[in-house]
Amino acid sequence: MRGCGGADHDRLTFVHTVHTLEDMSSAYVSGRVPARYERLVTKQARAARTSKSDLVARYVIEKSLETEFPGISFRDSLSGREAYLTGHRVAVWEVHAVHEESKSVEKTASHFRWPRVLVKRALAYARAFPEEIHTARDEETGPVSTAR
């Protein structure tokens, strides 16, 4: 995570680019877990080529956001970590894009064949993190280079 990695700063930006700490102050959070879970986090951090601290920070941030915004989860994407609707393959930025065109929760829900509550959940998250949504959309829909 940016702002938390010290010497590993540049190497760690891929771990969680959705919520960076560049423009925010950071706070230290500490907790104890049983040894078996610490070993699991160590293994996962090694696989992600990051530190335990940065991985735990990502887990805390994402779980906090998932609790604050029910129905929203996170996954890896071309643009890094992205918010999506739990149980669906649709990213929040995609729901937001359809809503921008339709100008209606009802029409957006109809487009995805979802209940309106799912659209409202995605839009609530998008309102809370507009820069993230804009960045994810740009990175996912930007021009694709063709390698020869």
N, C-alpha and C. Protein backbone atom coordinates (compact mmCIF):
# COMPACT_ATOMS: atom_id res chain seq x y z
N MET A 1 0.83 -1.16 0.00
CA MET A 1 0.00 0.00 0.00
C MET A 1 0.88 1.23 0.00
N ARG A 2 0.55 2.19 -0.80
CA ARG A 2 1.37 3.40 -0.86
C ARG A 2 1.35 4.09 0.49
N GLY A 3 2.49 4.64 0.80
CA GLY A 3 2.59 5.38 2.04
C GLY A 3 2.91 4.53 3.24
N CYS A 4 2.88 3.20 3.09
CA CYS A 4 3.11 2.33 4.24
C CYS A 4 4.31 1.45 4.07
N GLY A 5 4.90 1.40 2.88
CA GLY A 5 5.86 0.36 2.60
C GLY A 5 7.32 0.69 2.81
N GLY A 6 7.65 1.90 3.15
CA GLY A 6 9.06 2.24 3.35
C GLY A 6 9.85 1.97 2.09
N ALA A 7 10.92 1.17 2.21
CA ALA A 7 11.79 0.87 1.07
C ALA A 7 11.06 0.10 -0.01
N ASP A 8 10.01 -0.60 0.36
CA ASP A 8 9.24 -1.38 -0.60
C ASP A 8 8.14 -0.57 -1.26
N HIS A 9 8.08 0.73 -0.99
CA HIS A 9 7.00 1.59 -1.45
C HIS A 9 6.64 1.36 -2.92
N ASP A 10 7.59 1.48 -3.84
CA ASP A 10 7.29 1.37 -5.27
C ASP A 10 6.86 -0.03 -5.65
N ARG A 11 7.43 -1.02 -5.03
CA ARG A 11 7.14 -2.40 -5.37
C ARG A 11 5.76 -2.82 -4.88
N LEU A 12 5.19 -2.13 -3.91
CA LEU A 12 3.95 -2.56 -3.28
C LEU A 12 2.71 -1.90 -3.84
N THR A 13 2.83 -0.95 -4.72
CA THR A 13 1.66 -0.23 -5.16
C THR A 13 0.64 -1.12 -5.85
N PHE A 14 1.05 -2.25 -6.41
CA PHE A 14 0.10 -3.12 -7.08
C PHE A 14 -0.81 -3.84 -6.09
N VAL A 15 -0.43 -3.93 -4.86
CA VAL A 15 -1.19 -4.70 -3.88
C VAL A 15 -2.56 -4.10 -3.66
N HIS A 16 -2.64 -2.82 -3.51
CA HIS A 16 -3.94 -2.20 -3.27
C HIS A 16 -3.90 -0.76 -3.73
N THR A 17 -4.28 -0.54 -4.96
CA THR A 17 -4.24 0.81 -5.49
C THR A 17 -5.56 1.52 -5.34
N VAL A 18 -6.56 0.83 -4.82
CA VAL A 18 -7.87 1.45 -4.69
C VAL A 18 -7.89 2.52 -3.62
N HIS A 19 -7.38 2.21 -2.45
CA HIS A 19 -7.39 3.15 -1.34
C HIS A 19 -5.96 3.40 -0.90
N THR A 20 -5.36 4.46 -1.41
CA THR A 20 -3.99 4.77 -1.06
C THR A 20 -3.96 5.74 0.10
N LEU A 21 -2.83 5.82 0.73
CA LEU A 21 -2.67 6.70 1.87
C LEU A 21 -1.86 7.94 1.53
N GLU A 22 -1.62 8.20 0.24
CA GLU A 22 -0.78 9.34 -0.14
C GLU A 22 -1.33 10.66 0.38
N ASP A 23 -2.63 10.86 0.25
CA ASP A 23 -3.23 12.12 0.64
C ASP A 23 -3.90 12.05 2.00
N MET A 24 -3.75 10.93 2.68
CA MET A 24 -4.38 10.77 3.98
C MET A 24 -3.30 10.53 5.02
N SER A 25 -3.59 10.94 6.23
CA SER A 25 -2.69 10.55 7.30
C SER A 25 -2.98 9.09 7.60
N SER A 26 -2.00 8.42 8.15
CA SER A 26 -2.22 7.01 8.48
C SER A 26 -2.19 6.85 9.99
N ALA A 27 -2.73 5.75 10.44
CA ALA A 27 -2.76 5.45 11.87
C ALA A 27 -2.29 4.02 12.07
N TYR A 28 -1.70 3.79 13.18
CA TYR A 28 -1.20 2.46 13.51
C TYR A 28 -2.33 1.68 14.16
N VAL A 29 -2.58 0.47 13.67
CA VAL A 29 -3.58 -0.42 14.24
C VAL A 29 -2.86 -1.71 14.60
N SER A 30 -3.09 -2.18 15.79
CA SER A 30 -2.40 -3.38 16.25
C SER A 30 -3.42 -4.40 16.74
N GLY A 31 -3.09 -5.65 16.59
CA GLY A 31 -3.96 -6.71 17.09
C GLY A 31 -3.20 -8.02 17.16
N ARG A 32 -3.72 -8.92 17.95
CA ARG A 32 -3.09 -10.23 18.11
C ARG A 32 -3.99 -11.28 17.47
N VAL A 33 -3.36 -12.24 16.81
CA VAL A 33 -4.09 -13.36 16.21
C VAL A 33 -3.39 -14.66 16.61
N PRO A 34 -4.12 -15.77 16.62
CA PRO A 34 -3.48 -17.05 16.89
C PRO A 34 -2.37 -17.32 15.86
N ALA A 35 -1.34 -18.02 16.30
CA ALA A 35 -0.15 -18.27 15.47
C ALA A 35 -0.50 -18.88 14.12
N ARG A 36 -1.47 -19.77 14.07
CA ARG A 36 -1.80 -20.41 12.78
C ARG A 36 -2.26 -19.39 11.74
N TYR A 37 -2.93 -18.31 12.18
CA TYR A 37 -3.38 -17.30 11.24
C TYR A 37 -2.24 -16.38 10.84
N GLU A 38 -1.33 -16.14 11.75
CA GLU A 38 -0.14 -15.35 11.41
C GLU A 38 0.66 -16.07 10.33
N ARG A 39 0.79 -17.37 10.45
CA ARG A 39 1.51 -18.15 9.43
C ARG A 39 0.78 -18.07 8.08
N LEU A 40 -0.53 -18.08 8.12
CA LEU A 40 -1.31 -17.97 6.88
C LEU A 40 -1.10 -16.60 6.23
N VAL A 41 -1.11 -15.54 7.02
CA VAL A 41 -0.88 -14.19 6.49
C VAL A 41 0.53 -14.08 5.93
N THR A 42 1.49 -14.68 6.63
CA THR A 42 2.88 -14.67 6.15
C THR A 42 2.97 -15.34 4.79
N LYS A 43 2.33 -16.48 4.65
CA LYS A 43 2.32 -17.22 3.38
C LYS A 43 1.66 -16.39 2.27
N GLN A 44 0.53 -15.76 2.58
CA GLN A 44 -0.18 -14.96 1.59
C GLN A 44 0.59 -13.71 1.21
N ALA A 45 1.25 -13.10 2.18
CA ALA A 45 2.06 -11.91 1.89
C ALA A 45 3.22 -12.27 0.97
N ARG A 46 3.84 -13.40 1.25
CA ARG A 46 4.96 -13.86 0.41
C ARG A 46 4.46 -14.08 -1.03
N ALA A 47 3.31 -14.72 -1.18
CA ALA A 47 2.75 -14.98 -2.51
C ALA A 47 2.41 -13.68 -3.24
N ALA A 48 1.98 -12.68 -2.50
CA ALA A 48 1.63 -11.38 -3.10
C ALA A 48 2.83 -10.47 -3.24
N ARG A 49 4.00 -10.94 -2.80
CA ARG A 49 5.23 -10.15 -2.85
C ARG A 49 5.07 -8.81 -2.13
N THR A 50 4.55 -8.89 -0.93
CA THR A 50 4.37 -7.70 -0.10
C THR A 50 4.70 -8.05 1.34
N SER A 51 4.64 -7.08 2.19
CA SER A 51 4.90 -7.33 3.60
C SER A 51 3.62 -7.76 4.31
N LYS A 52 3.79 -8.41 5.43
CA LYS A 52 2.62 -8.79 6.24
C LYS A 52 1.85 -7.54 6.64
N SER A 53 2.58 -6.51 7.01
CA SER A 53 1.95 -5.28 7.44
C SER A 53 1.05 -4.69 6.35
N ASP A 54 1.56 -4.63 5.12
CA ASP A 54 0.77 -4.07 4.03
C ASP A 54 -0.43 -4.96 3.69
N LEU A 55 -0.24 -6.26 3.76
CA LEU A 55 -1.35 -7.17 3.48
C LEU A 55 -2.42 -7.05 4.55
N VAL A 56 -2.01 -7.01 5.81
CA VAL A 56 -2.98 -6.85 6.90
C VAL A 56 -3.70 -5.51 6.77
N ALA A 57 -2.98 -4.46 6.39
CA ALA A 57 -3.62 -3.15 6.18
C ALA A 57 -4.69 -3.25 5.10
N ARG A 58 -4.37 -3.93 4.00
CA ARG A 58 -5.35 -4.12 2.93
C ARG A 58 -6.56 -4.88 3.45
N TYR A 59 -6.32 -5.95 4.21
CA TYR A 59 -7.43 -6.74 4.75
C TYR A 59 -8.31 -5.90 5.67
N VAL A 60 -7.70 -5.09 6.52
CA VAL A 60 -8.46 -4.26 7.45
C VAL A 60 -9.29 -3.24 6.67
N ILE A 61 -8.66 -2.58 5.72
CA ILE A 61 -9.37 -1.57 4.93
C ILE A 61 -10.54 -2.20 4.17
N GLU A 62 -10.27 -3.29 3.47
CA GLU A 62 -11.32 -3.90 2.66
C GLU A 62 -12.45 -4.45 3.53
N LYS A 63 -12.13 -5.09 4.62
CA LYS A 63 -13.18 -5.63 5.48
C LYS A 63 -13.99 -4.50 6.10
N SER A 64 -13.34 -3.40 6.46
CA SER A 64 -14.05 -2.24 6.99
C SER A 64 -15.01 -1.67 5.96
N LEU A 65 -14.55 -1.59 4.72
CA LEU A 65 -15.41 -1.07 3.65
C LEU A 65 -16.55 -2.04 3.34
N GLU A 66 -16.28 -3.34 3.37
CA GLU A 66 -17.33 -4.34 3.14
C GLU A 66 -18.40 -4.27 4.23
N THR A 67 -17.99 -3.96 5.44
CA THR A 67 -18.94 -3.81 6.54
C THR A 67 -19.74 -2.53 6.40
N GLU A 68 -19.06 -1.47 6.02
CA GLU A 68 -19.72 -0.16 5.86
C GLU A 68 -20.66 -0.13 4.65
N PHE A 69 -20.29 -0.88 3.61
CA PHE A 69 -21.07 -0.92 2.37
C PHE A 69 -21.47 -2.37 2.08
N PRO A 70 -22.53 -2.87 2.73
CA PRO A 70 -22.94 -4.26 2.53
C PRO A 70 -23.19 -4.55 1.05
N GLY A 71 -22.73 -5.71 0.62
CA GLY A 71 -22.90 -6.10 -0.78
C GLY A 71 -21.73 -5.73 -1.67
N ILE A 72 -20.76 -5.03 -1.11
CA ILE A 72 -19.57 -4.65 -1.87
C ILE A 72 -18.40 -5.52 -1.39
N SER A 73 -17.65 -6.06 -2.34
CA SER A 73 -16.45 -6.84 -2.04
C SER A 73 -15.33 -6.33 -2.93
N PHE A 74 -14.15 -6.92 -2.81
CA PHE A 74 -12.99 -6.48 -3.57
C PHE A 74 -12.32 -7.67 -4.24
N ARG A 75 -11.73 -7.39 -5.40
CA ARG A 75 -11.01 -8.42 -6.15
C ARG A 75 -9.91 -7.76 -6.96
N ASP A 76 -8.99 -8.60 -7.45
CA ASP A 76 -7.94 -8.11 -8.34
C ASP A 76 -8.53 -7.85 -9.72
N SER A 77 -8.03 -6.81 -10.37
CA SER A 77 -8.45 -6.50 -11.73
C SER A 77 -7.25 -5.92 -12.48
N LEU A 78 -7.45 -5.53 -13.70
CA LEU A 78 -6.38 -4.93 -14.49
C LEU A 78 -5.87 -3.65 -13.84
N SER A 79 -6.75 -2.95 -13.13
CA SER A 79 -6.37 -1.67 -12.53
C SER A 79 -5.97 -1.82 -11.07
N GLY A 80 -5.80 -3.03 -10.58
CA GLY A 80 -5.46 -3.25 -9.17
C GLY A 80 -6.64 -3.85 -8.45
N ARG A 81 -6.85 -3.50 -7.20
CA ARG A 81 -8.00 -3.98 -6.45
C ARG A 81 -9.19 -3.13 -6.85
N GLU A 82 -10.35 -3.77 -7.04
CA GLU A 82 -11.53 -3.00 -7.39
C GLU A 82 -12.73 -3.49 -6.62
N ALA A 83 -13.65 -2.56 -6.40
CA ALA A 83 -14.91 -2.86 -5.74
C ALA A 83 -15.87 -3.47 -6.75
N TYR A 84 -16.60 -4.49 -6.31
CA TYR A 84 -17.61 -5.11 -7.15
C TYR A 84 -18.77 -5.55 -6.28
N LEU A 85 -19.87 -5.95 -6.91
CA LEU A 85 -21.02 -6.42 -6.16
C LEU A 85 -20.84 -7.89 -5.81
N THR A 86 -20.90 -8.19 -4.53
CA THR A 86 -20.71 -9.55 -4.04
C THR A 86 -21.70 -10.48 -4.74
N GLY A 87 -21.16 -11.58 -5.25
CA GLY A 87 -22.01 -12.57 -5.91
C GLY A 87 -22.27 -12.28 -7.38
N HIS A 88 -21.69 -11.20 -7.87
CA HIS A 88 -21.86 -10.82 -9.27
C HIS A 88 -20.48 -10.51 -9.85
N ARG A 89 -20.39 -10.54 -11.15
CA ARG A 89 -19.11 -10.27 -11.81
C ARG A 89 -19.00 -8.82 -12.26
N VAL A 90 -19.85 -7.99 -11.76
CA VAL A 90 -19.94 -6.60 -12.20
C VAL A 90 -19.24 -5.68 -11.20
N ALA A 91 -18.33 -4.88 -11.70
CA ALA A 91 -17.63 -3.91 -10.86
C ALA A 91 -18.53 -2.71 -10.57
N VAL A 92 -18.27 -2.06 -9.47
CA VAL A 92 -19.05 -0.86 -9.10
C VAL A 92 -18.96 0.19 -10.19
N TRP A 93 -17.78 0.36 -10.79
CA TRP A 93 -17.65 1.39 -11.83
C TRP A 93 -18.56 1.08 -13.01
N GLU A 94 -18.81 -0.19 -13.29
CA GLU A 94 -19.70 -0.55 -14.41
C GLU A 94 -21.15 -0.17 -14.10
N VAL A 95 -21.58 -0.41 -12.87
CA VAL A 95 -22.93 -0.01 -12.46
C VAL A 95 -23.05 1.51 -12.55
N HIS A 96 -22.03 2.19 -12.07
CA HIS A 96 -22.02 3.66 -12.11
C HIS A 96 -22.09 4.16 -13.55
N ALA A 97 -21.36 3.52 -14.45
CA ALA A 97 -21.36 3.94 -15.86
C ALA A 97 -22.75 3.78 -16.49
N VAL A 98 -23.40 2.66 -16.21
CA VAL A 98 -24.75 2.45 -16.74
C VAL A 98 -25.71 3.48 -16.16
N HIS A 99 -25.56 3.75 -14.88
CA HIS A 99 -26.44 4.73 -14.23
C HIS A 99 -26.21 6.13 -14.80
N GLU A 100 -24.97 6.47 -15.12
CA GLU A 100 -24.69 7.78 -15.73
C GLU A 100 -25.43 7.93 -17.06
N GLU A 101 -25.53 6.84 -17.81
CA GLU A 101 -26.23 6.88 -19.09
C GLU A 101 -27.75 6.87 -18.91
N SER A 102 -28.24 6.01 -18.04
CA SER A 102 -29.68 5.85 -17.89
C SER A 102 -30.33 6.93 -17.03
N LYS A 103 -29.53 7.52 -16.13
CA LYS A 103 -30.03 8.55 -15.20
C LYS A 103 -31.14 8.04 -14.30
N SER A 104 -31.21 6.71 -14.10
CA SER A 104 -32.30 6.13 -13.32
C SER A 104 -31.84 4.85 -12.63
N VAL A 105 -32.14 4.75 -11.34
CA VAL A 105 -31.86 3.51 -10.61
C VAL A 105 -32.69 2.38 -11.19
N GLU A 106 -33.93 2.67 -11.50
CA GLU A 106 -34.84 1.65 -12.05
C GLU A 106 -34.32 1.10 -13.39
N LYS A 107 -33.92 1.99 -14.29
CA LYS A 107 -33.40 1.55 -15.59
C LYS A 107 -32.08 0.80 -15.44
N THR A 108 -31.24 1.24 -14.52
CA THR A 108 -29.98 0.54 -14.28
C THR A 108 -30.25 -0.85 -13.73
N ALA A 109 -31.15 -0.96 -12.79
CA ALA A 109 -31.52 -2.26 -12.23
C ALA A 109 -32.09 -3.17 -13.31
N SER A 110 -32.91 -2.62 -14.18
CA SER A 110 -33.49 -3.39 -15.28
C SER A 110 -32.40 -3.87 -16.23
N HIS A 111 -31.42 -3.01 -16.51
CA HIS A 111 -30.30 -3.37 -17.39
C HIS A 111 -29.57 -4.61 -16.87
N PHE A 112 -29.32 -4.64 -15.56
CA PHE A 112 -28.59 -5.77 -14.98
C PHE A 112 -29.51 -6.91 -14.56
N ARG A 113 -30.82 -6.67 -14.62
CA ARG A 113 -31.82 -7.64 -14.15
C ARG A 113 -31.63 -7.93 -12.66
N TRP A 114 -31.44 -6.86 -11.91
CA TRP A 114 -31.21 -6.92 -10.47
C TRP A 114 -32.31 -6.17 -9.74
N PRO A 115 -32.45 -6.44 -8.46
CA PRO A 115 -33.31 -5.57 -7.64
C PRO A 115 -32.64 -4.21 -7.48
N ARG A 116 -33.44 -3.17 -7.29
CA ARG A 116 -32.91 -1.81 -7.16
C ARG A 116 -31.92 -1.67 -6.02
N VAL A 117 -32.08 -2.46 -4.97
CA VAL A 117 -31.21 -2.34 -3.81
C VAL A 117 -29.74 -2.59 -4.18
N LEU A 118 -29.46 -3.49 -5.11
CA LEU A 118 -28.07 -3.74 -5.53
C LEU A 118 -27.49 -2.52 -6.22
N VAL A 119 -28.27 -1.90 -7.06
CA VAL A 119 -27.81 -0.69 -7.75
C VAL A 119 -27.56 0.42 -6.73
N LYS A 120 -28.46 0.57 -5.78
CA LYS A 120 -28.29 1.60 -4.75
C LYS A 120 -27.03 1.36 -3.93
N ARG A 121 -26.71 0.11 -3.64
CA ARG A 121 -25.49 -0.20 -2.89
C ARG A 121 -24.25 0.19 -3.68
N ALA A 122 -24.25 -0.14 -4.96
CA ALA A 122 -23.11 0.21 -5.81
C ALA A 122 -22.96 1.72 -5.93
N LEU A 123 -24.07 2.41 -6.09
CA LEU A 123 -24.02 3.87 -6.23
C LEU A 123 -23.60 4.55 -4.93
N ALA A 124 -23.98 3.99 -3.79
CA ALA A 124 -23.55 4.55 -2.50
C ALA A 124 -22.03 4.46 -2.38
N TYR A 125 -21.47 3.33 -2.79
CA TYR A 125 -20.02 3.18 -2.74
C TYR A 125 -19.37 4.15 -3.74
N ALA A 126 -19.93 4.24 -4.93
CA ALA A 126 -19.37 5.13 -5.96
C ALA A 126 -19.40 6.59 -5.50
N ARG A 127 -20.45 6.99 -4.80
CA ARG A 127 -20.51 8.37 -4.27
C ARG A 127 -19.44 8.60 -3.21
N ALA A 128 -19.16 7.57 -2.42
CA ALA A 128 -18.18 7.72 -1.34
C ALA A 128 -16.75 7.76 -1.89
N PHE A 129 -16.51 7.12 -3.04
CA PHE A 129 -15.15 7.03 -3.60
C PHE A 129 -15.15 7.36 -5.09
N PRO A 130 -15.54 8.57 -5.46
CA PRO A 130 -15.65 8.92 -6.88
C PRO A 130 -14.33 8.84 -7.64
N GLU A 131 -13.23 9.22 -7.00
CA GLU A 131 -11.94 9.19 -7.70
C GLU A 131 -11.55 7.74 -8.02
N GLU A 132 -11.78 6.85 -7.08
CA GLU A 132 -11.49 5.43 -7.31
C GLU A 132 -12.31 4.89 -8.49
N ILE A 133 -13.57 5.23 -8.53
CA ILE A 133 -14.46 4.75 -9.60
C ILE A 133 -13.99 5.29 -10.95
N HIS A 134 -13.65 6.56 -10.98
CA HIS A 134 -13.17 7.19 -12.22
C HIS A 134 -11.88 6.52 -12.70
N THR A 135 -10.96 6.30 -11.78
CA THR A 135 -9.67 5.67 -12.12
C THR A 135 -9.88 4.25 -12.63
N ALA A 136 -10.69 3.48 -11.92
CA ALA A 136 -10.94 2.09 -12.32
C ALA A 136 -11.57 2.03 -13.71
N ARG A 137 -12.52 2.91 -13.95
CA ARG A 137 -13.18 2.94 -15.26
C ARG A 137 -12.19 3.29 -16.35
N ASP A 138 -11.38 4.31 -16.12
CA ASP A 138 -10.39 4.72 -17.12
C ASP A 138 -9.39 3.60 -17.41
N GLU A 139 -8.93 2.94 -16.36
CA GLU A 139 -7.92 1.89 -16.55
C GLU A 139 -8.51 0.63 -17.19
N GLU A 140 -9.77 0.35 -16.94
CA GLU A 140 -10.40 -0.83 -17.52
C GLU A 140 -10.88 -0.60 -18.95
N THR A 141 -11.22 0.63 -19.28
CA THR A 141 -11.78 0.91 -20.60
C THR A 141 -10.83 1.67 -21.53
N GLY A 142 -9.63 1.97 -21.01
CA GLY A 142 -8.66 2.72 -21.81
C GLY A 142 -8.24 1.96 -23.06
N PRO A 143 -7.51 2.62 -23.91
CA PRO A 143 -7.07 1.96 -25.16
C PRO A 143 -6.22 0.73 -24.88
N VAL A 144 -6.46 -0.31 -25.63
CA VAL A 144 -5.69 -1.55 -25.50
C VAL A 144 -4.59 -1.53 -26.54
N SER A 145 -3.36 -1.75 -26.09
CA SER A 145 -2.26 -1.77 -27.06
C SER A 145 -2.17 -3.16 -27.66
N THR A 146 -1.85 -3.21 -28.94
CA THR A 146 -1.70 -4.49 -29.61
C THR A 146 -0.22 -4.78 -29.77
N ALA A 147 0.23 -5.85 -29.16
CA ALA A 147 1.64 -6.23 -29.23
C ALA A 147 1.89 -7.03 -30.50
N ARG A 148 2.98 -6.74 -31.15
CA ARG A 148 3.32 -7.49 -32.38
C ARG A 148 4.57 -8.26 -32.17
